[in-house]
């Protein structure tokens, strides 16, 4: 019975894949989008902070104006 195993030269295969990898890197470079994703996180955090700060400021202004109107009308202590 014949041996049906296929003989694959590891040195040739490694060299061929290395050449193919270089060719792909040259023809179809991959751009890293890490910086863009990082910028979106900072932008989202800033927007969240501004929303919370605005809501807190409005709430504080309402409490302050309510307190001033109550003390001016004689209800306050």
N, C-alpha and C. Protein backbone atom coordinates (compact mmCIF):
# COMPACT_ATOMS: atom_id res chain seq x y z
N UNK A 1 0.83 -1.17 0.00
CA UNK A 1 0.00 0.00 0.00
C UNK A 1 0.89 1.24 0.00
N UNK A 2 0.48 2.19 -0.79
CA UNK A 2 1.28 3.41 -0.90
C UNK A 2 0.99 4.36 0.26
N UNK A 3 2.00 5.13 0.61
CA UNK A 3 1.86 6.15 1.64
C UNK A 3 1.23 7.38 0.99
N UNK A 4 0.02 7.74 1.41
CA UNK A 4 -0.71 8.83 0.77
C UNK A 4 -0.50 10.18 1.47
N UNK A 5 0.43 10.22 2.39
CA UNK A 5 0.70 11.50 3.05
C UNK A 5 1.34 12.47 2.08
N UNK A 6 0.95 13.71 2.21
CA UNK A 6 1.47 14.75 1.35
C UNK A 6 2.67 15.37 2.04
N UNK A 7 3.75 15.50 1.29
CA UNK A 7 4.95 16.10 1.86
C UNK A 7 4.90 17.61 1.64
N UNK A 8 4.90 18.38 2.73
CA UNK A 8 4.87 19.83 2.66
C UNK A 8 6.17 20.36 3.25
N UNK A 9 6.85 21.14 2.46
CA UNK A 9 8.11 21.71 2.90
C UNK A 9 7.81 22.92 3.79
N UNK A 10 8.11 22.81 5.07
CA UNK A 10 7.81 23.87 6.04
C UNK A 10 8.55 25.16 5.72
N UNK A 11 9.80 25.03 5.29
CA UNK A 11 10.59 26.22 4.98
C UNK A 11 9.97 27.00 3.82
N UNK A 12 9.55 26.28 2.80
CA UNK A 12 8.92 26.92 1.65
C UNK A 12 7.59 27.57 2.05
N UNK A 13 6.80 26.88 2.85
CA UNK A 13 5.50 27.40 3.27
C UNK A 13 5.67 28.68 4.08
N UNK A 14 6.59 28.68 5.03
CA UNK A 14 6.82 29.87 5.84
C UNK A 14 7.29 31.04 4.97
N UNK A 15 8.18 30.75 4.04
CA UNK A 15 8.69 31.80 3.15
C UNK A 15 7.56 32.33 2.25
N UNK A 16 6.72 31.46 1.76
CA UNK A 16 5.61 31.88 0.89
C UNK A 16 4.61 32.74 1.66
N UNK A 17 4.28 32.36 2.88
CA UNK A 17 3.34 33.15 3.67
C UNK A 17 3.95 34.50 4.07
N UNK A 18 5.22 34.52 4.29
CA UNK A 18 5.88 35.79 4.60
C UNK A 18 5.80 36.74 3.41
N UNK A 19 6.05 36.22 2.22
CA UNK A 19 5.95 37.05 1.01
C UNK A 19 4.50 37.51 0.80
N UNK A 20 3.55 36.61 1.03
CA UNK A 20 2.14 36.97 0.86
C UNK A 20 1.73 38.04 1.87
N UNK A 21 2.20 37.92 3.08
CA UNK A 21 1.90 38.91 4.11
C UNK A 21 2.46 40.28 3.73
N UNK A 22 3.68 40.31 3.25
CA UNK A 22 4.28 41.57 2.80
C UNK A 22 3.50 42.18 1.64
N UNK A 23 3.07 41.32 0.71
CA UNK A 23 2.33 41.81 -0.43
C UNK A 23 0.97 42.38 0.01
N UNK A 24 0.30 41.70 0.91
CA UNK A 24 -0.98 42.20 1.41
C UNK A 24 -0.82 43.50 2.18
N UNK A 25 0.22 43.60 2.98
CA UNK A 25 0.47 44.84 3.71
C UNK A 25 0.72 46.01 2.76
N UNK A 26 1.37 45.73 1.66
CA UNK A 26 1.67 46.78 0.69
C UNK A 26 0.42 47.15 -0.11
N UNK A 27 -0.34 46.17 -0.56
CA UNK A 27 -1.50 46.41 -1.43
C UNK A 27 -2.74 46.84 -0.66
N UNK A 28 -2.93 46.29 0.52
CA UNK A 28 -4.14 46.56 1.31
C UNK A 28 -3.76 46.86 2.76
N UNK A 29 -3.20 48.03 3.03
CA UNK A 29 -2.77 48.33 4.39
C UNK A 29 -3.97 48.46 5.34
N UNK A 30 -3.75 48.04 6.55
CA UNK A 30 -4.77 48.11 7.58
C UNK A 30 -4.52 49.35 8.42
N UNK A 31 -5.55 50.18 8.55
CA UNK A 31 -5.42 51.39 9.35
C UNK A 31 -5.94 51.12 10.75
N UNK A 32 -5.22 51.60 11.72
CA UNK A 32 -5.62 51.41 13.10
C UNK A 32 -6.56 52.55 13.48
N UNK A 33 -7.75 52.22 13.98
CA UNK A 33 -8.74 53.21 14.35
C UNK A 33 -8.78 53.43 15.86
N UNK A 34 -7.72 53.15 16.52
CA UNK A 34 -7.67 53.26 17.97
C UNK A 34 -7.83 54.69 18.44
N UNK A 35 -7.19 55.64 17.76
CA UNK A 35 -7.26 57.04 18.18
C UNK A 35 -8.67 57.58 18.02
N UNK A 36 -9.33 57.20 16.94
CA UNK A 36 -10.67 57.69 16.70
C UNK A 36 -11.64 57.20 17.78
N UNK A 37 -11.51 55.94 18.16
CA UNK A 37 -12.37 55.38 19.19
C UNK A 37 -12.11 56.07 20.53
N UNK A 38 -10.86 56.37 20.82
CA UNK A 38 -10.49 57.06 22.04
C UNK A 38 -11.11 58.45 22.08
N UNK A 39 -11.13 59.13 20.95
CA UNK A 39 -11.72 60.47 20.87
C UNK A 39 -13.22 60.42 21.12
N UNK A 40 -13.89 59.39 20.62
CA UNK A 40 -15.33 59.27 20.85
C UNK A 40 -15.64 59.09 22.32
N UNK A 41 -14.80 58.35 23.06
CA UNK A 41 -15.03 58.18 24.50
C UNK A 41 -14.92 59.51 25.22
N UNK A 42 -13.92 60.31 24.87
CA UNK A 42 -13.76 61.62 25.52
C UNK A 42 -14.93 62.53 25.17
N UNK A 43 -15.38 62.49 23.94
CA UNK A 43 -16.50 63.33 23.53
C UNK A 43 -17.78 62.92 24.27
N UNK A 44 -18.02 61.63 24.41
CA UNK A 44 -19.20 61.15 25.13
C UNK A 44 -19.13 61.53 26.61
N UNK A 45 -17.96 61.41 27.20
CA UNK A 45 -17.80 61.78 28.62
C UNK A 45 -18.03 63.28 28.81
N UNK A 46 -17.52 64.09 27.91
CA UNK A 46 -17.72 65.53 27.99
C UNK A 46 -19.19 65.89 27.84
N UNK A 47 -19.87 65.26 26.89
CA UNK A 47 -21.30 65.52 26.69
C UNK A 47 -22.10 65.13 27.92
N UNK A 48 -21.78 63.98 28.51
CA UNK A 48 -22.47 63.55 29.74
C UNK A 48 -22.25 64.52 30.88
N UNK A 49 -21.03 64.97 31.02
CA UNK A 49 -20.73 65.93 32.08
C UNK A 49 -21.49 67.23 31.88
N UNK A 50 -21.52 67.73 30.65
CA UNK A 50 -22.23 68.97 30.38
C UNK A 50 -23.73 68.85 30.61
N UNK A 51 -24.30 67.72 30.27
CA UNK A 51 -25.72 67.50 30.53
C UNK A 51 -26.00 67.47 32.02
N UNK A 52 -25.20 66.74 32.76
CA UNK A 52 -25.39 66.69 34.21
C UNK A 52 -25.15 68.04 34.87
N UNK A 53 -24.14 68.76 34.42
CA UNK A 53 -23.86 70.07 34.99
C UNK A 53 -25.00 71.04 34.68
N UNK A 54 -25.52 71.00 33.47
CA UNK A 54 -26.64 71.86 33.10
C UNK A 54 -27.89 71.55 33.89
N UNK A 55 -28.17 70.26 34.05
CA UNK A 55 -29.35 69.87 34.84
C UNK A 55 -29.18 70.28 36.30
N UNK A 56 -27.99 70.11 36.84
CA UNK A 56 -27.73 70.52 38.22
C UNK A 56 -27.85 72.02 38.40
N UNK A 57 -27.36 72.76 37.43
CA UNK A 57 -27.45 74.22 37.50
C UNK A 57 -28.90 74.68 37.45
N UNK A 58 -29.70 74.09 36.57
CA UNK A 58 -31.13 74.45 36.49
C UNK A 58 -31.85 74.11 37.78
N UNK A 59 -31.57 72.95 38.32
CA UNK A 59 -32.19 72.55 39.58
C UNK A 59 -31.79 73.50 40.71
N UNK A 60 -30.51 73.87 40.74
CA UNK A 60 -30.02 74.77 41.78
C UNK A 60 -30.66 76.16 41.63
N UNK A 61 -30.82 76.62 40.40
CA UNK A 61 -31.44 77.92 40.16
C UNK A 61 -32.91 77.91 40.59
N UNK A 62 -33.62 76.82 40.33
CA UNK A 62 -35.02 76.72 40.75
C UNK A 62 -35.13 76.75 42.27
N UNK A 63 -34.26 76.01 42.94
CA UNK A 63 -34.30 76.01 44.41
C UNK A 63 -33.96 77.38 44.95
N UNK A 64 -32.99 78.06 44.35
CA UNK A 64 -32.59 79.37 44.81
C UNK A 64 -33.70 80.38 44.60
N UNK A 65 -34.34 80.37 43.43
CA UNK A 65 -35.42 81.33 43.17
C UNK A 65 -36.63 81.03 44.04
N UNK A 66 -36.92 79.77 44.32
CA UNK A 66 -38.02 79.41 45.20
C UNK A 66 -37.72 79.89 46.61
N UNK A 67 -36.49 79.70 47.06
CA UNK A 67 -36.10 80.13 48.40
C UNK A 67 -36.18 81.66 48.52
N UNK A 68 -35.76 82.38 47.49
CA UNK A 68 -35.81 83.84 47.52
C UNK A 68 -37.24 84.35 47.51
N UNK A 69 -38.12 83.72 46.73
CA UNK A 69 -39.51 84.18 46.68
C UNK A 69 -40.23 83.88 47.99
N UNK A 70 -39.89 82.78 48.65
CA UNK A 70 -40.55 82.45 49.92
C UNK A 70 -40.07 83.42 51.00
N UNK A 71 -38.80 83.73 51.07
CA UNK A 71 -38.31 84.64 52.10
C UNK A 71 -38.77 86.07 51.84
N UNK A 72 -38.92 86.45 50.58
CA UNK A 72 -39.36 87.82 50.26
C UNK A 72 -40.82 88.01 50.60
N UNK A 73 -41.62 86.95 50.53
CA UNK A 73 -43.04 87.10 50.81
C UNK A 73 -43.34 86.95 52.30
N UNK A 74 -42.35 86.69 53.08
CA UNK A 74 -42.54 86.60 54.52
C UNK A 74 -42.75 85.21 55.04
N UNK A 75 -42.66 84.19 54.20
CA UNK A 75 -42.84 82.82 54.65
C UNK A 75 -41.60 82.24 55.28
N UNK A 76 -40.47 82.80 54.94
CA UNK A 76 -39.20 82.24 55.40
C UNK A 76 -38.89 82.65 56.82
N UNK A 77 -37.96 81.98 57.41
CA UNK A 77 -37.63 82.20 58.79
C UNK A 77 -36.60 83.17 58.99
